[in-house]
Structure formats: C-alpha cells, structure tokens
Amino acid sequence: MSAIGIDAEPNDVLPGGVLDLISLEPERVMLAEFAALRGTCWDRLLFSAKEAVYKAWFPITGRWLDFKDAKITIDPAKGSFSAKILISGAKHEEGDPAGFTGNWLERDGLLMTAIAPLRYA
C-alpha cells in the first residue's frame, strides 16, 4: 500500500510550549542551527512535517503515530526533509514504513509539506 501526507500551516512561530511537546532533542538542536536563516518559521515547519508523516503513516498502518515516534531531518537548501520512524517492539509490525521522504515550500505566508514512504521494514 502507498500513501502521501500533505499539510499546510501558517508561516508563524508555534505557540509557547508546543515545540517541546512535539520534538526530539536532536530536532531542537537542528532548529537552533537554522536560527540565522530568516523567512521560515522552522519550528512550525517541523510541526507541519510531522503532521504530513502521520497523514501518510495512518492510511498504511491504521495505527496512531506520536509526534516523537518520528525523527525529522530538514534540508533548508534543497527544500526537502526526511523522517525516520522510531517505533520498535510490539508497536512495530512487518510492512510498516521505516521512513519517509518529502519536500517543503514556503509561499504566501504558508508552509506546505508533502511526504511519501521511503522504504518498508
């Protein structure tokens, strides 16, 4: 089975406290490295990328995926991102996507993300 995940968010900072709820430490470090790159609200882009991952994950698996069950890596220069699925053990089933790859765009005050499965475990 295949699926795509698409999300759009306002290009505006996340409300206080949300970033800590949705992100992993390596993702927060990555966002800090992007601080000098103006024009994109990187925290909101991370949120949108995670939403797109869930929207592609659920139709394939029929199961919930928590924000912290996927590690996002953003490439600002290429307008792309990838997601590594972190679930294992009883939560992992044969045939689950192991990762996703996608693209993002900032235009007209919106951040848009789209992603599809990269490979299956």
PDB file of N, CA and C in Angstrom:
ATOM      1  N   MET A   1       0.845  -1.177   0.000  1.00  0.00           N
ATOM      2  CA  MET A   1       0.000   0.000   0.000  1.00  0.00           C
ATOM      3  C   MET A   1       0.887   1.236   0.000  1.00  0.00           C
ATOM      4  N   SER A   2       0.432   2.274  -0.650  1.00  0.00           N
ATOM      5  CA  SER A   2       1.170   3.522  -0.692  1.00  0.00           C
ATOM      6  C   SER A   2       0.253   4.654  -0.235  1.00  0.00           C
ATOM      7  N   ALA A   3       0.871   5.737   0.178  1.00  0.00           N
ATOM      8  CA  ALA A   3       0.122   6.900   0.638  1.00  0.00           C
ATOM      9  C   ALA A   3       1.013   8.120   0.554  1.00  0.00           C
ATOM     10  N   ILE A   4       0.399   9.282   0.548  1.00  0.00           N
ATOM     11  CA  ILE A   4       1.154  10.524   0.695  1.00  0.00           C
ATOM     12  C   ILE A   4       0.538  11.295   1.842  1.00  0.00           C
ATOM     13  N   GLY A   5       1.344  12.131   2.449  1.00  0.00           N
ATOM     14  CA  GLY A   5       0.867  13.008   3.507  1.00  0.00           C
ATOM     15  C   GLY A   5       1.124  14.444   3.107  1.00  0.00           C
ATOM     16  N   ILE A   6       0.108  15.280   3.227  1.00  0.00           N
ATOM     17  CA  ILE A   6       0.215  16.692   2.855  1.00  0.00           C
ATOM     18  C   ILE A   6      -0.297  17.526   4.013  1.00  0.00           C
ATOM     19  N   ASP A   7       0.413  18.624   4.310  1.00  0.00           N
ATOM     20  CA  ASP A   7      -0.019  19.523   5.370  1.00  0.00           C
ATOM     21  C   ASP A   7       0.328  20.953   4.977  1.00  0.00           C
ATOM     22  N   ALA A   8      -0.426  21.907   5.485  1.00  0.00           N
ATOM     23  CA  ALA A   8      -0.147  23.337   5.305  1.00  0.00           C
ATOM     24  C   ALA A   8      -0.391  24.033   6.630  1.00  0.00           C
ATOM     25  N   GLU A   9       0.499  24.926   6.968  1.00  0.00           N
ATOM     26  CA  GLU A   9       0.434  25.668   8.225  1.00  0.00           C
ATOM     27  C   GLU A   9       0.803  27.117   7.950  1.00  0.00           C
ATOM     28  N   PRO A  10       0.341  28.043   8.798  1.00  0.00           N
ATOM     29  CA  PRO A  10       0.800  29.427   8.658  1.00  0.00           C
ATOM     30  C   PRO A  10       2.299  29.508   8.959  1.00  0.00           C
ATOM     31  N   ASN A  11       3.005  30.332   8.238  1.00  0.00           N
ATOM     32  CA  ASN A  11       4.439  30.531   8.482  1.00  0.00           C
ATOM     33  C   ASN A  11       4.584  31.475   9.672  1.00  0.00           C
ATOM     34  N   ASP A  12       4.321  30.934  10.851  1.00  0.00           N
ATOM     35  CA  ASP A  12       4.332  31.695  12.095  1.00  0.00           C
ATOM     36  C   ASP A  12       4.854  30.778  13.193  1.00  0.00           C
ATOM     37  N   VAL A  13       5.452  31.361  14.215  1.00  0.00           N
ATOM     38  CA  VAL A  13       6.013  30.550  15.295  1.00  0.00           C
ATOM     39  C   VAL A  13       4.919  29.753  15.997  1.00  0.00           C
ATOM     40  N   LEU A  14       5.315  28.581  16.503  1.00  0.00           N
ATOM     41  CA  LEU A  14       4.389  27.748  17.266  1.00  0.00           C
ATOM     42  C   LEU A  14       4.048  28.425  18.586  1.00  0.00           C
ATOM     43  N   PRO A  15       2.868  28.189  19.125  1.00  0.00           N
ATOM     44  CA  PRO A  15       2.547  28.702  20.465  1.00  0.00           C
ATOM     45  C   PRO A  15       3.542  28.157  21.490  1.00  0.00           C
ATOM     46  N   GLY A  16       3.752  28.913  22.552  1.00  0.00           N
ATOM     47  CA  GLY A  16       4.688  28.529  23.603  1.00  0.00           C
ATOM     48  C   GLY A  16       4.431  27.130  24.139  1.00  0.00           C
ATOM     49  N   GLY A  17       5.503  26.355  24.294  1.00  0.00           N
ATOM     50  CA  GLY A  17       5.419  25.020  24.867  1.00  0.00           C
ATOM     51  C   GLY A  17       5.142  23.915  23.877  1.00  0.00           C
ATOM     52  N   VAL A  18       4.643  24.245  22.687  1.00  0.00           N
ATOM     53  CA  VAL A  18       4.282  23.205  21.713  1.00  0.00           C
ATOM     54  C   VAL A  18       5.530  22.508  21.181  1.00  0.00           C
ATOM     55  N   LEU A  19       6.584  23.254  20.921  1.00  0.00           N
ATOM     56  CA  LEU A  19       7.787  22.642  20.366  1.00  0.00           C
ATOM     57  C   LEU A  19       8.299  21.525  21.268  1.00  0.00           C
ATOM     58  N   ASP A  20       8.326  21.737  22.564  1.00  0.00           N
ATOM     59  CA  ASP A  20       8.791  20.694  23.486  1.00  0.00           C
ATOM     60  C   ASP A  20       7.890  19.462  23.451  1.00  0.00           C
ATOM     61  N   LEU A  21       6.609  19.643  23.187  1.00  0.00           N
ATOM     62  CA  LEU A  21       5.676  18.516  23.136  1.00  0.00           C
ATOM     63  C   LEU A  21       5.820  17.667  21.874  1.00  0.00           C
ATOM     64  N   ILE A  22       6.256  18.274  20.786  1.00  0.00           N
ATOM     65  CA  ILE A  22       6.254  17.563  19.500  1.00  0.00           C
ATOM     66  C   ILE A  22       7.638  17.156  19.012  1.00  0.00           C
ATOM     67  N   SER A  23       8.683  17.651  19.649  1.00  0.00           N
ATOM     68  CA  SER A  23      10.018  17.455  19.080  1.00  0.00           C
ATOM     69  C   SER A  23      10.937  16.615  19.956  1.00  0.00           C
ATOM     70  N   LEU A  24      11.933  16.062  19.302  1.00  0.00           N
ATOM     71  CA  LEU A  24      13.011  15.334  19.954  1.00  0.00           C
ATOM     72  C   LEU A  24      14.198  16.275  20.127  1.00  0.00           C
ATOM     73  N   GLU A  25      15.070  15.974  21.059  1.00  0.00           N
ATOM     74  CA  GLU A  25      16.238  16.830  21.300  1.00  0.00           C
ATOM     75  C   GLU A  25      17.062  17.076  20.033  1.00  0.00           C
ATOM     76  N   PRO A  26      17.390  16.046  19.236  1.00  0.00           N
ATOM     77  CA  PRO A  26      18.160  16.316  18.010  1.00  0.00           C
ATOM     78  C   PRO A  26      17.442  17.258  17.041  1.00  0.00           C
ATOM     79  N   GLU A  27      16.122  17.226  17.036  1.00  0.00           N
ATOM     80  CA  GLU A  27      15.365  18.144  16.173  1.00  0.00           C
ATOM     81  C   GLU A  27      15.480  19.572  16.686  1.00  0.00           C
ATOM     82  N   ARG A  28      15.448  19.758  17.998  1.00  0.00           N
ATOM     83  CA  ARG A  28      15.595  21.106  18.560  1.00  0.00           C
ATOM     84  C   ARG A  28      16.991  21.651  18.291  1.00  0.00           C
ATOM     85  N   VAL A  29      17.997  20.799  18.348  1.00  0.00           N
ATOM     86  CA  VAL A  29      19.365  21.217  18.007  1.00  0.00           C
ATOM     87  C   VAL A  29      19.415  21.646  16.541  1.00  0.00           C
ATOM     88  N   MET A  30      18.805  20.863  15.661  1.00  0.00           N
ATOM     89  CA  MET A  30      18.767  21.194  14.240  1.00  0.00           C
ATOM     90  C   MET A  30      18.107  22.559  14.027  1.00  0.00           C
ATOM     91  N   LEU A  31      16.987  22.798  14.685  1.00  0.00           N
ATOM     92  CA  LEU A  31      16.284  24.075  14.529  1.00  0.00           C
ATOM     93  C   LEU A  31      17.136  25.233  15.015  1.00  0.00           C
ATOM     94  N   ALA A  32      17.873  25.038  16.090  1.00  0.00           N
ATOM     95  CA  ALA A  32      18.761  26.087  16.611  1.00  0.00           C
ATOM     96  C   ALA A  32      19.824  26.440  15.578  1.00  0.00           C
ATOM     97  N   GLU A  33      20.300  25.448  14.835  1.00  0.00           N
ATOM     98  CA  GLU A  33      21.288  25.697  13.782  1.00  0.00           C
ATOM     99  C   GLU A  33      20.698  26.513  12.637  1.00  0.00           C
ATOM    100  N   PHE A  34      19.391  26.466  12.460  1.00  0.00           N
ATOM    101  CA  PHE A  34      18.727  27.201  11.385  1.00  0.00           C
ATOM    102  C   PHE A  34      18.334  28.627  11.809  1.00  0.00           C
ATOM    103  N   ALA A  35      18.596  29.005  13.043  1.00  0.00           N
ATOM    104  CA  ALA A  35      18.113  30.284  13.580  1.00  0.00           C
ATOM    105  C   ALA A  35      18.515  31.488  12.732  1.00  0.00           C
ATOM    106  N   ALA A  36      19.683  31.448  12.126  1.00  0.00           N
ATOM    107  CA  ALA A  36      20.146  32.581  11.320  1.00  0.00           C
ATOM    108  C   ALA A  36      19.481  32.625   9.945  1.00  0.00           C
ATOM    109  N   LEU A  37      18.815  31.554   9.554  1.00  0.00           N
ATOM    110  CA  LEU A  37      18.139  31.508   8.251  1.00  0.00           C
ATOM    111  C   LEU A  37      16.753  32.129   8.399  1.00  0.00           C
ATOM    112  N   ARG A  38      16.623  33.330   7.962  1.00  0.00           N
ATOM    113  CA  ARG A  38      15.382  34.093   8.136  1.00  0.00           C
ATOM    114  C   ARG A  38      14.335  33.748   7.083  1.00  0.00           C
ATOM    115  N   GLY A  39      13.073  34.020   7.417  1.00  0.00           N
ATOM    116  CA  GLY A  39      11.978  33.882   6.470  1.00  0.00           C
ATOM    117  C   GLY A  39      11.102  32.666   6.714  1.00  0.00           C
ATOM    118  N   THR A  40      11.673  31.640   7.310  1.00  0.00           N
ATOM    119  CA  THR A  40      10.910  30.420   7.582  1.00  0.00           C
ATOM    120  C   THR A  40      10.828  30.210   9.080  1.00  0.00           C
ATOM    121  N   CYS A  41       9.635  29.942   9.575  1.00  0.00           N
ATOM    122  CA  CYS A  41       9.463  29.584  10.987  1.00  0.00           C
ATOM    123  C   CYS A  41       9.741  28.093  11.106  1.00  0.00           C
ATOM    124  N   TRP A  42      10.966  27.769  11.448  1.00  0.00           N
ATOM    125  CA  TRP A  42      11.443  26.387  11.423  1.00  0.00           C
ATOM    126  C   TRP A  42      10.689  25.479  12.377  1.00  0.00           C
ATOM    127  N   ASP A  43      10.261  26.025  13.529  1.00  0.00           N
ATOM    128  CA  ASP A  43       9.506  25.186  14.466  1.00  0.00           C
ATOM    129  C   ASP A  43       8.170  24.773  13.852  1.00  0.00           C
ATOM    130  N   ARG A  44       7.529  25.696  13.158  1.00  0.00           N
ATOM    131  CA  ARG A  44       6.246  25.381  12.518  1.00  0.00           C
ATOM    132  C   ARG A  44       6.454  24.431  11.343  1.00  0.00           C
ATOM    133  N   LEU A  45       7.569  24.584  10.628  1.00  0.00           N
ATOM    134  CA  LEU A  45       7.868  23.654   9.544  1.00  0.00           C
ATOM    135  C   LEU A  45       8.053  22.241  10.095  1.00  0.00           C
ATOM    136  N   LEU A  46       8.732  22.111  11.230  1.00  0.00           N
ATOM    137  CA  LEU A  46       8.892  20.798  11.863  1.00  0.00           C
ATOM    138  C   LEU A  46       7.526  20.205  12.197  1.00  0.00           C
ATOM    139  N   PHE A  47       6.641  21.019  12.772  1.00  0.00           N
ATOM    140  CA  PHE A  47       5.298  20.570  13.099  1.00  0.00           C
ATOM    141  C   PHE A  47       4.567  20.088  11.848  1.00  0.00           C
ATOM    142  N   SER A  48       4.645  20.871  10.776  1.00  0.00           N
ATOM    143  CA  SER A  48       3.964  20.510   9.533  1.00  0.00           C
ATOM    144  C   SER A  48       4.533  19.213   8.957  1.00  0.00           C
ATOM    145  N   ALA A  49       5.844  19.050   9.023  1.00  0.00           N
ATOM    146  CA  ALA A  49       6.469  17.822   8.528  1.00  0.00           C
ATOM    147  C   ALA A  49       5.971  16.615   9.316  1.00  0.00           C
ATOM    148  N   LYS A  50       5.852  16.752  10.632  1.00  0.00           N
ATOM    149  CA  LYS A  50       5.366  15.639  11.456  1.00  0.00           C
ATOM    150  C   LYS A  50       3.897  15.341  11.162  1.00  0.00           C
ATOM    151  N   GLU A  51       3.120  16.362  10.911  1.00  0.00           N
ATOM    152  CA  GLU A  51       1.718  16.157  10.526  1.00  0.00           C
ATOM    153  C   GLU A  51       1.633  15.404   9.194  1.00  0.00           C
ATOM    154  N   ALA A  52       2.474  15.783   8.231  1.00  0.00           N
ATOM    155  CA  ALA A  52       2.475  15.098   6.935  1.00  0.00           C
ATOM    156  C   ALA A  52       2.869  13.633   7.105  1.00  0.00           C
ATOM    157  N   VAL A  53       3.841  13.360   7.970  1.00  0.00           N
ATOM    158  CA  VAL A  53       4.251  11.975   8.223  1.00  0.00           C
ATOM    159  C   VAL A  53       3.064  11.176   8.756  1.00  0.00           C
ATOM    160  N   TYR A  54       2.366  11.710   9.738  1.00  0.00           N
ATOM    161  CA  TYR A  54       1.220  10.996  10.301  1.00  0.00           C
ATOM    162  C   TYR A  54       0.163  10.735   9.222  1.00  0.00           C
ATOM    163  N   LYS A  55      -0.080  11.727   8.384  1.00  0.00           N
ATOM    164  CA  LYS A  55      -1.109  11.595   7.349  1.00  0.00           C
ATOM    165  C   LYS A  55      -0.745  10.542   6.299  1.00  0.00           C
ATOM    166  N   ALA A  56       0.536  10.265   6.122  1.00  0.00           N
ATOM    167  CA  ALA A  56       0.957   9.178   5.238  1.00  0.00           C
ATOM    168  C   ALA A  56       1.008   7.851   5.993  1.00  0.00           C
ATOM    169  N   TRP A  57       1.381   7.885   7.253  1.00  0.00           N
ATOM    170  CA  TRP A  57       1.518   6.673   8.080  1.00  0.00           C
ATOM    171  C   TRP A  57       0.179   5.988   8.329  1.00  0.00           C
ATOM    172  N   PHE A  58      -0.810   6.764   8.749  1.00  0.00           N
ATOM    173  CA  PHE A  58      -2.069   6.169   9.204  1.00  0.00           C
ATOM    174  C   PHE A  58      -2.795   5.365   8.120  1.00  0.00           C
ATOM    175  N   PRO A  59      -2.928   5.841   6.883  1.00  0.00           N
ATOM    176  CA  PRO A  59      -3.611   5.029   5.871  1.00  0.00           C
ATOM    177  C   PRO A  59      -2.907   3.702   5.584  1.00  0.00           C
ATOM    178  N   ILE A  60      -1.607   3.655   5.762  1.00  0.00           N
ATOM    179  CA  ILE A  60      -0.842   2.432   5.515  1.00  0.00           C
ATOM    180  C   ILE A  60      -0.994   1.443   6.661  1.00  0.00           C
ATOM    181  N   THR A  61      -0.925   1.949   7.903  1.00  0.00           N
ATOM    182  CA  THR A  61      -0.871   1.067   9.072  1.00  0.00           C
ATOM    183  C   THR A  61      -2.180   0.970   9.837  1.00  0.00           C
ATOM    184  N   GLY A  62      -3.008   2.017   9.761  1.00  0.00           N
ATOM    185  CA  GLY A  62      -4.229   2.064  10.559  1.00  0.00           C
ATOM    186  C   GLY A  62      -3.956   2.294  12.034  1.00  0.00           C
ATOM    187  N   ARG A  63      -2.747   2.760  12.337  1.00  0.00           N
ATOM    188  CA  ARG A  63      -2.350   2.955  13.735  1.00  0.00           C
ATOM    189  C   ARG A  63      -1.863   4.371  13.977  1.00  0.00           C
ATOM    190  N   TRP A  64      -1.980   4.775  15.252  1.00  0.00           N
ATOM    191  CA  TRP A  64      -1.523   6.068  15.734  1.00  0.00           C
ATOM    192  C   TRP A  64      -0.006   6.151  15.650  1.00  0.00           C
ATOM    193  N   LEU A  65       0.528   7.328  15.369  1.00  0.00           N
ATOM    194  CA  LEU A  65       1.955   7.608  15.420  1.00  0.00           C
ATOM    195  C   LEU A  65       2.120   8.896  16.198  1.00  0.00           C
ATOM    196  N   ASP A  66       2.813   8.828  17.311  1.00  0.00           N
ATOM    197  CA  ASP A  66       3.035  10.008  18.147  1.00  0.00           C
ATOM    198  C   ASP A  66       4.061  10.931  17.490  1.00  0.00           C
ATOM    199  N   PHE A  67       4.013  12.203  17.828  1.00  0.00           N
ATOM    200  CA  PHE A  67       4.973  13.165  17.288  1.00  0.00           C
ATOM    201  C   PHE A  67       6.415  12.711  17.515  1.00  0.00           C
ATOM    202  N   LYS A  68       6.674  12.106  18.657  1.00  0.00           N
ATOM    203  CA  LYS A  68       8.044  11.712  18.989  1.00  0.00           C
ATOM    204  C   LYS A  68       8.399  10.312  18.474  1.00  0.00           C
ATOM    205  N   ASP A  69       7.516   9.703  17.687  1.00  0.00           N
ATOM    206  CA  ASP A  69       7.804   8.414  17.062  1.00  0.00           C
ATOM    207  C   ASP A  69       8.474   8.567  15.705  1.00  0.00           C
ATOM    208  N   ALA A  70       8.705   9.796  15.287  1.00  0.00           N
ATOM    209  CA  ALA A  70       9.370  10.056  14.013  1.00  0.00           C
ATOM    210  C   ALA A  70      10.400  11.164  14.204  1.00  0.00           C
ATOM    211  N   LYS A  71      11.598  10.940  13.702  1.00  0.00           N
ATOM    212  CA  LYS A  71      12.664  11.946  13.759  1.00  0.00           C
ATOM    213  C   LYS A  71      12.782  12.595  12.389  1.00  0.00           C
ATOM    214  N   ILE A  72      12.604  13.910  12.358  1.00  0.00           N
ATOM    215  CA  ILE A  72      12.623  14.682  11.122  1.00  0.00           C
ATOM    216  C   ILE A  72      14.001  15.310  10.925  1.00  0.00           C
ATOM    217  N   THR A  73      14.491  15.248   9.699  1.00  0.00           N
ATOM    218  CA  THR A  73      15.707  15.957   9.300  1.00  0.00           C
ATOM    219  C   THR A  73      15.340  16.855   8.129  1.00  0.00           C
ATOM    220  N   ILE A  74      15.585  18.152   8.290  1.00  0.00           N
ATOM    221  CA  ILE A  74      15.222  19.152   7.281  1.00  0.00           C
ATOM    222  C   ILE A  74      16.473  19.602   6.538  1.00  0.00           C
ATOM    223  N   ASP A  75      16.373  19.705   5.219  1.00  0.00           N
ATOM    224  CA  ASP A  75      17.443  20.260   4.393  1.00  0.00           C
ATOM    225  C   ASP A  75      16.940  21.595   3.843  1.00  0.00           C
ATOM    226  N   PRO A  76      17.353  22.713   4.465  1.00  0.00           N
ATOM    227  CA  PRO A  76      16.863  24.021   4.009  1.00  0.00           C
ATOM    228  C   PRO A  76      17.253  24.357   2.572  1.00  0.00           C
ATOM    229  N   ALA A  77      18.452  23.956   2.155  1.00  0.00           N
ATOM    230  CA  ALA A  77      18.932  24.304   0.816  1.00  0.00           C
ATOM    231  C   ALA A  77      18.151  23.600  -0.286  1.00  0.00           C
ATOM    232  N   LYS A  78      17.745  22.376  -0.045  1.00  0.00           N
ATOM    233  CA  LYS A  78      17.042  21.591  -1.066  1.00  0.00           C
ATOM    234  C   LYS A  78      15.525  21.665  -0.942  1.00  0.00           C
ATOM    235  N   GLY A  79      15.022  22.250   0.159  1.00  0.00           N
ATOM    236  CA  GLY A  79      13.577  22.273   0.364  1.00  0.00           C
ATOM    237  C   GLY A  79      13.021  20.885   0.558  1.00  0.00           C
ATOM    238  N   SER A  80      13.815  20.033   1.219  1.00  0.00           N
ATOM    239  CA  SER A  80      13.383  18.656   1.428  1.00  0.00           C
ATOM    240  C   SER A  80      13.488  18.286   2.906  1.00  0.00           C
ATOM    241  N   PHE A  81      12.918  17.162   3.243  1.00  0.00           N
ATOM    242  CA  PHE A  81      13.036  16.636   4.600  1.00  0.00           C
ATOM    243  C   PHE A  81      12.826  15.136   4.554  1.00  0.00           C
ATOM    244  N   SER A  82      13.289  14.484   5.605  1.00  0.00           N
ATOM    245  CA  SER A  82      13.086  13.047   5.716  1.00  0.00           C
ATOM    246  C   SER A  82      12.622  12.731   7.123  1.00  0.00           C
ATOM    247  N   ALA A  83      12.009  11.576   7.252  1.00  0.00           N
ATOM    248  CA  ALA A  83      11.521  11.123   8.552  1.00  0.00           C
ATOM    249  C   ALA A  83      11.968   9.689   8.767  1.00  0.00           C
ATOM    250  N   LYS A  84      12.535   9.442   9.919  1.00  0.00           N
ATOM    251  CA  LYS A  84      12.885   8.086  10.322  1.00  0.00           C
ATOM    252  C   LYS A  84      11.891   7.660  11.388  1.00  0.00           C
ATOM    253  N   ILE A  85      11.215   6.551  11.182  1.00  0.00           N
ATOM    254  CA  ILE A  85      10.246   6.051  12.154  1.00  0.00           C
ATOM    255  C   ILE A  85      11.013   5.360  13.276  1.00  0.00           C
ATOM    256  N   LEU A  86      10.692   5.718  14.517  1.00  0.00           N
ATOM    257  CA  LEU A  86      11.450   5.246  15.674  1.00  0.00           C
ATOM    258  C   LEU A  86      10.763   4.143  16.471  1.00  0.00           C
ATOM    259  N   ILE A  87       9.579   3.732  16.063  1.00  0.00           N
ATOM    260  CA  ILE A  87       8.888   2.709  16.842  1.00  0.00           C
ATOM    261  C   ILE A  87       9.553   1.353  16.669  1.00  0.00           C
ATOM    262  N   SER A  88       9.433   0.526  17.676  1.00  0.00           N
ATOM    263  CA  SER A  88      10.004  -0.817  17.613  1.00  0.00           C
ATOM    264  C   SER A  88       9.208  -1.727  18.533  1.00  0.00           C
ATOM    265  N   GLY A  89       9.622  -2.967  18.604  1.00  0.00           N
ATOM    266  CA  GLY A  89       8.981  -3.918  19.506  1.00  0.00           C
ATOM    267  C   GLY A  89       7.533  -4.161  19.158  1.00  0.00           C
ATOM    268  N   ALA A  90       6.687  -4.199  20.174  1.00  0.00           N
ATOM    269  CA  ALA A  90       5.278  -4.537  19.996  1.00  0.00           C
ATOM    270  C   ALA A  90       4.535  -3.514  19.128  1.00  0.00           C
ATOM    271  N   LYS A  91       5.017  -2.265  19.089  1.00  0.00           N
ATOM    272  CA  LYS A  91       4.356  -1.237  18.292  1.00  0.00           C
ATOM    273  C   LYS A  91       4.695  -1.356  16.802  1.00  0.00           C
ATOM    274  N   HIS A  92       5.762  -2.092  16.479  1.00  0.00           N
ATOM    275  CA  HIS A  92       6.210  -2.217  15.093  1.00  0.00           C
ATOM    276  C   HIS A  92       5.639  -3.491  14.469  1.00  0.00           C
ATOM    277  N   GLU A  93       5.144  -3.381  13.245  1.00  0.00           N
ATOM    278  CA  GLU A  93       4.622  -4.538  12.526  1.00  0.00           C
ATOM    279  C   GLU A  93       5.336  -4.674  11.199  1.00  0.00           C
ATOM    280  N   GLU A  94       5.467  -5.915  10.725  1.00  0.00           N
ATOM    281  CA  GLU A  94       6.093  -6.160   9.429  1.00  0.00           C
ATOM    282  C   GLU A  94       5.326  -5.395   8.356  1.00  0.00           C
ATOM    283  N   GLY A  95       6.062  -4.763   7.478  1.00  0.00           N
ATOM    284  CA  GLY A  95       5.452  -3.986   6.409  1.00  0.00           C
ATOM    285  C   GLY A  95       5.273  -2.518   6.736  1.00  0.00           C
ATOM    286  N   ASP A  96       5.527  -2.131   7.988  1.00  0.00           N
ATOM    287  CA  ASP A  96       5.450  -0.703   8.345  1.00  0.00           C
ATOM    288  C   ASP A  96       6.516   0.078   7.588  1.00  0.00           C
ATOM    289  N   PRO A  97       6.200   1.287   7.139  1.00  0.00           N
ATOM    290  CA  PRO A  97       7.238   2.124   6.543  1.00  0.00           C
ATOM    291  C   PRO A  97       8.330   2.406   7.579  1.00  0.00           C
ATOM    292  N   ALA A  98       9.585   2.291   7.174  1.00  0.00           N
ATOM    293  CA  ALA A  98      10.705   2.600   8.066  1.00  0.00           C
ATOM    294  C   ALA A  98      11.074   4.072   7.998  1.00  0.00           C
ATOM    295  N   GLY A  99      10.664   4.738   6.933  1.00  0.00           N
ATOM    296  CA  GLY A  99      10.992   6.138   6.764  1.00  0.00           C
ATOM    297  C   GLY A  99      10.185   6.755   5.639  1.00  0.00           C
ATOM    298  N   PHE A 100      10.291   8.069   5.562  1.00  0.00           N
ATOM    299  CA  PHE A 100       9.575   8.835   4.546  1.00  0.00           C
ATOM    300  C   PHE A 100      10.514   9.911   4.011  1.00  0.00           C
ATOM    301  N   THR A 101      10.254  10.364   2.823  1.00  0.00           N
ATOM    302  CA  THR A 101      11.000  11.483   2.270  1.00  0.00           C
ATOM    303  C   THR A 101      10.002  12.451   1.633  1.00  0.00           C
ATOM    304  N   GLY A 102      10.301  13.743   1.747  1.00  0.00           N
ATOM    305  CA  GLY A 102       9.356  14.719   1.240  1.00  0.00           C
ATOM    306  C   GLY A 102       9.994  16.048   0.914  1.00  0.00           C
ATOM    307  N   ASN A 103       9.135  16.978   0.547  1.00  0.00           N
ATOM    308  CA  ASN A 103       9.559  18.330   0.191  1.00  0.00           C
ATOM    309  C   ASN A 103       8.695  19.343   0.918  1.00  0.00           C
ATOM    310  N   TRP A 104       9.249  20.537   1.048  1.00  0.00           N
ATOM    311  CA  TRP A 104       8.504  21.617   1.683  1.00  0.00           C
ATOM    312  C   TRP A 104       8.695  22.898   0.884  1.00  0.00           C
ATOM    313  N   LEU A 105       7.755  23.812   1.090  1.00  0.00           N
ATOM    314  CA  LEU A 105       7.753  25.075   0.368  1.00  0.00           C
ATOM    315  C   LEU A 105       7.166  26.148   1.274  1.00  0.00           C
ATOM    316  N   GLU A 106       7.751  27.334   1.236  1.00  0.00           N
ATOM    317  CA  GLU A 106       7.196  28.491   1.945  1.00  0.00           C
ATOM    318  C   GLU A 106       6.762  29.486   0.880  1.00  0.00           C
ATOM    319  N   ARG A 107       5.479  29.851   0.909  1.00  0.00           N
ATOM    320  CA  ARG A 107       4.973  30.793  -0.073  1.00  0.00           C
ATOM    321  C   ARG A 107       3.691  31.431   0.445  1.00  0.00           C
ATOM    322  N   ASP A 108       3.543  32.729   0.208  1.00  0.00           N
ATOM    323  CA  ASP A 108       2.326  33.472   0.540  1.00  0.00           C
ATOM    324  C   ASP A 108       1.900  33.290   1.995  1.00  0.00           C
ATOM    325  N   GLY A 109       2.879  33.252   2.902  1.00  0.00           N
ATOM    326  CA  GLY A 109       2.574  33.147   4.318  1.00  0.00           C
ATOM    327  C   GLY A 109       2.239  31.748   4.801  1.00  0.00           C
ATOM    328  N   LEU A 110       2.419  30.744   3.946  1.00  0.00           N
ATOM    329  CA  LEU A 110       2.131  29.358   4.318  1.00  0.00           C
ATOM    330  C   LEU A 110       3.373  28.497   4.207  1.00  0.00           C
ATOM    331  N   LEU A 111       3.417  27.477   5.031  1.00  0.00           N
ATOM    332  CA  LEU A 111       4.398  26.406   4.924  1.00  0.00           C
ATOM    333  C   LEU A 111       3.645  25.169   4.474  1.00  0.00           C
ATOM    334  N   MET A 112       4.111  24.558   3.399  1.00  0.00           N
ATOM    335  CA  MET A 112       3.443  23.372   2.865  1.00  0.00           C
ATOM    336  C   MET A 112       4.433  22.213   2.825  1.00  0.00           C
ATOM    337  N   THR A 113       3.975  21.047   3.277  1.00  0.00           N
ATOM    338  CA  THR A 113       4.813  19.854   3.292  1.00  0.00           C
ATOM    339  C   THR A 113       4.074  18.717   2.601  1.00  0.00           C
ATOM    340  N   ALA A 114       4.839  17.872   1.930  1.00  0.00           N
ATOM    341  CA  ALA A 114       4.290  16.657   1.312  1.00  0.00           C
ATOM    342  C   ALA A 114       5.331  15.563   1.448  1.00  0.00           C
ATOM    343  N   ILE A 115       4.885  14.354   1.774  1.00  0.00           N
ATOM    344  CA  ILE A 115       5.813  13.260   2.048  1.00  0.00           C
ATOM    345  C   ILE A 115       5.202  11.935   1.605  1.00  0.00           C
ATOM    346  N   ALA A 116       6.082  10.977   1.273  1.00  0.00           N
ATOM    347  CA  ALA A 116       5.662   9.636   0.879  1.00  0.00           C
ATOM    348  C   ALA A 116       6.623   8.628   1.483  1.00  0.00           C
ATOM    349  N   PRO A 117       6.196   7.342   1.599  1.00  0.00           N
ATOM    350  CA  PRO A 117       7.090   6.332   2.175  1.00  0.00           C
ATOM    351  C   PRO A 117       8.390   6.212   1.382  1.00  0.00           C
ATOM    352  N   LEU A 118       9.468   6.057   2.121  1.00  0.00           N
ATOM    353  CA  LEU A 118      10.777   5.885   1.528  1.00  0.00           C
ATOM    354  C   LEU A 118      11.061   4.414   1.268  1.00  0.00           C
ATOM    355  N   ARG A 119      10.767   3.599   2.271  1.00  0.00           N
ATOM    356  CA  ARG A 119      11.011   2.160   2.179  1.00  0.00           C
ATOM    357  C   ARG A 119      10.184   1.465   3.234  1.00  0.00           C
ATOM    358  N   TYR A 120      10.088   0.186   3.136  1.00  0.00           N
ATOM    359  CA  TYR A 120       9.344  -0.595   4.108  1.00  0.00           C
ATOM    360  C   TYR A 120      10.278  -1.489   4.888  1.00  0.00           C
ATOM    361  N   ALA A 121       9.978  -1.696   6.173  1.00  0.00           N
ATOM    362  CA  ALA A 121      10.807  -2.535   7.038  1.00  0.00           C
ATOM    363  C   ALA A 121      10.570  -3.998   6.741  1.00  0.00           C
TER     364      ALA A 121
END
